[in-house]
Amino acid sequence: MLIRIVKMSFDETKIDAFLTMFEEKKQYIRGFEGCQFLELYQDKNNKNIFFTYSYWKDENALENYRTSNLFKEVWAKTKAMFNDKPQAWSVDKIVSLP
């Protein structure tokens, strides 16, 4: 499993539009082959900052999504709302501590 974390910072006037778009598209992303989990989080102290957490079957599944028309459509709309460059991380596994 691959975990993908993306940090995005939005123009405050674009937050409602982003949330509306995310609500409309999340079911399609969650239903994309290889996607096992998707959630959106908003920073508690800076309401302009959001994180997506998604779990993918493997790197190929994520790459298939990133080259899909769905991703291209969602990302084109999303990046037009940013007020800062997004950051992304991929994690191979979750570490459990005793």
Protein backbone atom coordinates (compact mmCIF):
# COMPACT_ATOMS: atom_id res chain seq x y z
CA MET A 1 0.00 0.00 0.00
CA LEU A 2 1.10 3.54 -0.76
CA ILE A 3 -0.09 6.52 1.24
CA ARG A 4 -0.15 9.90 -0.49
CA ILE A 5 -0.33 13.14 1.50
CA VAL A 6 -0.81 16.43 -0.32
CA LYS A 7 -0.68 19.81 1.42
CA MET A 8 -2.50 22.64 -0.35
CA SER A 9 -2.89 26.30 0.55
CA PHE A 10 -5.79 28.21 -0.94
CA ASP A 11 -6.71 31.81 -1.55
CA GLU A 12 -9.29 32.42 1.18
CA THR A 13 -11.85 33.57 -1.39
CA LYS A 14 -11.54 30.20 -3.18
CA ILE A 15 -12.05 27.84 -0.22
CA ASP A 16 -15.80 27.44 -0.67
CA ALA A 17 -15.37 26.72 -4.38
CA PHE A 18 -12.70 24.13 -3.61
CA LEU A 19 -14.88 22.42 -1.00
CA THR A 20 -17.81 22.30 -3.41
CA MET A 21 -15.64 20.81 -6.14
CA PHE A 22 -14.10 18.27 -3.75
CA GLU A 23 -17.54 17.20 -2.55
CA GLU A 24 -18.62 16.66 -6.17
CA LYS A 25 -15.50 14.70 -7.19
CA LYS A 26 -14.55 12.68 -4.09
CA GLN A 27 -16.80 9.74 -4.98
CA TYR A 28 -15.11 9.41 -8.37
CA ILE A 29 -11.63 9.58 -6.87
CA ARG A 30 -12.58 7.04 -4.19
CA GLY A 31 -14.02 4.82 -6.91
CA PHE A 32 -10.93 5.02 -9.10
CA GLU A 33 -9.26 1.63 -9.52
CA GLY A 34 -6.58 1.21 -6.86
CA CYS A 35 -7.83 3.97 -4.52
CA GLN A 36 -8.53 2.45 -1.13
CA PHE A 37 -9.13 5.59 0.97
CA LEU A 38 -9.48 9.34 0.55
CA GLU A 39 -10.09 12.07 3.11
CA LEU A 40 -9.69 15.82 3.24
CA TYR A 41 -8.48 17.65 6.34
CA GLN A 42 -8.40 21.37 7.14
CA ASP A 43 -5.70 22.83 9.37
CA LYS A 44 -7.07 23.83 12.76
CA ASN A 45 -5.15 27.11 13.00
CA ASN A 46 -4.79 28.16 9.37
CA LYS A 47 -8.09 27.60 7.57
CA ASN A 48 -6.42 28.17 4.16
CA ILE A 49 -4.40 24.95 4.49
CA PHE A 50 -5.85 21.56 3.55
CA PHE A 51 -4.41 18.07 3.32
CA THR A 52 -5.60 15.13 1.27
CA TYR A 53 -4.76 11.68 2.57
CA SER A 54 -5.21 8.89 0.08
CA TYR A 55 -4.29 5.21 0.17
CA TRP A 56 -3.42 3.47 -3.07
CA LYS A 57 -2.93 -0.20 -3.86
CA ASP A 58 0.58 0.58 -5.12
CA GLU A 59 2.65 3.16 -7.01
CA ASN A 60 1.19 2.03 -10.35
CA ALA A 61 -2.37 2.65 -9.14
CA LEU A 62 -1.44 6.18 -8.08
CA GLU A 63 0.34 6.81 -11.36
CA ASN A 64 -2.67 5.55 -13.33
CA TYR A 65 -4.83 8.04 -11.44
CA ARG A 66 -2.34 10.87 -12.00
CA THR A 67 -2.44 10.28 -15.76
CA SER A 68 -6.23 9.95 -15.91
CA ASN A 69 -8.69 12.48 -17.28
CA LEU A 70 -10.30 12.62 -13.83
CA PHE A 71 -7.07 13.78 -12.20
CA LYS A 72 -6.32 16.24 -14.99
CA GLU A 73 -9.76 17.82 -14.60
CA VAL A 74 -9.67 17.97 -10.79
CA TRP A 75 -6.08 19.20 -10.61
CA ALA A 76 -6.60 21.93 -13.24
CA LYS A 77 -9.50 23.35 -11.22
CA THR A 78 -7.74 22.92 -7.88
CA LYS A 79 -4.39 24.47 -8.73
CA ALA A 80 -6.11 27.61 -10.05
CA MET A 81 -7.27 28.24 -6.47
CA PHE A 82 -3.86 27.95 -4.74
CA ASN A 83 -2.09 30.82 -3.04
CA ASP A 84 1.11 28.80 -2.53
CA LYS A 85 2.89 25.86 -4.12
CA PRO A 86 1.47 22.47 -3.02
CA GLN A 87 3.64 19.86 -1.33
CA ALA A 88 3.26 16.10 -1.59
CA TRP A 89 4.66 13.05 0.17
CA SER A 90 4.39 9.34 -0.51
CA VAL A 91 4.71 6.87 2.36
CA ASP A 92 5.31 3.15 1.85
CA LYS A 93 4.05 1.86 5.18
CA ILE A 94 2.72 2.89 8.55
CA VAL A 95 5.06 2.43 11.49
CA SER A 96 3.38 1.14 14.64
CA LEU A 97 4.94 1.89 18.00
CA PRO A 98 4.27 -0.25 21.07
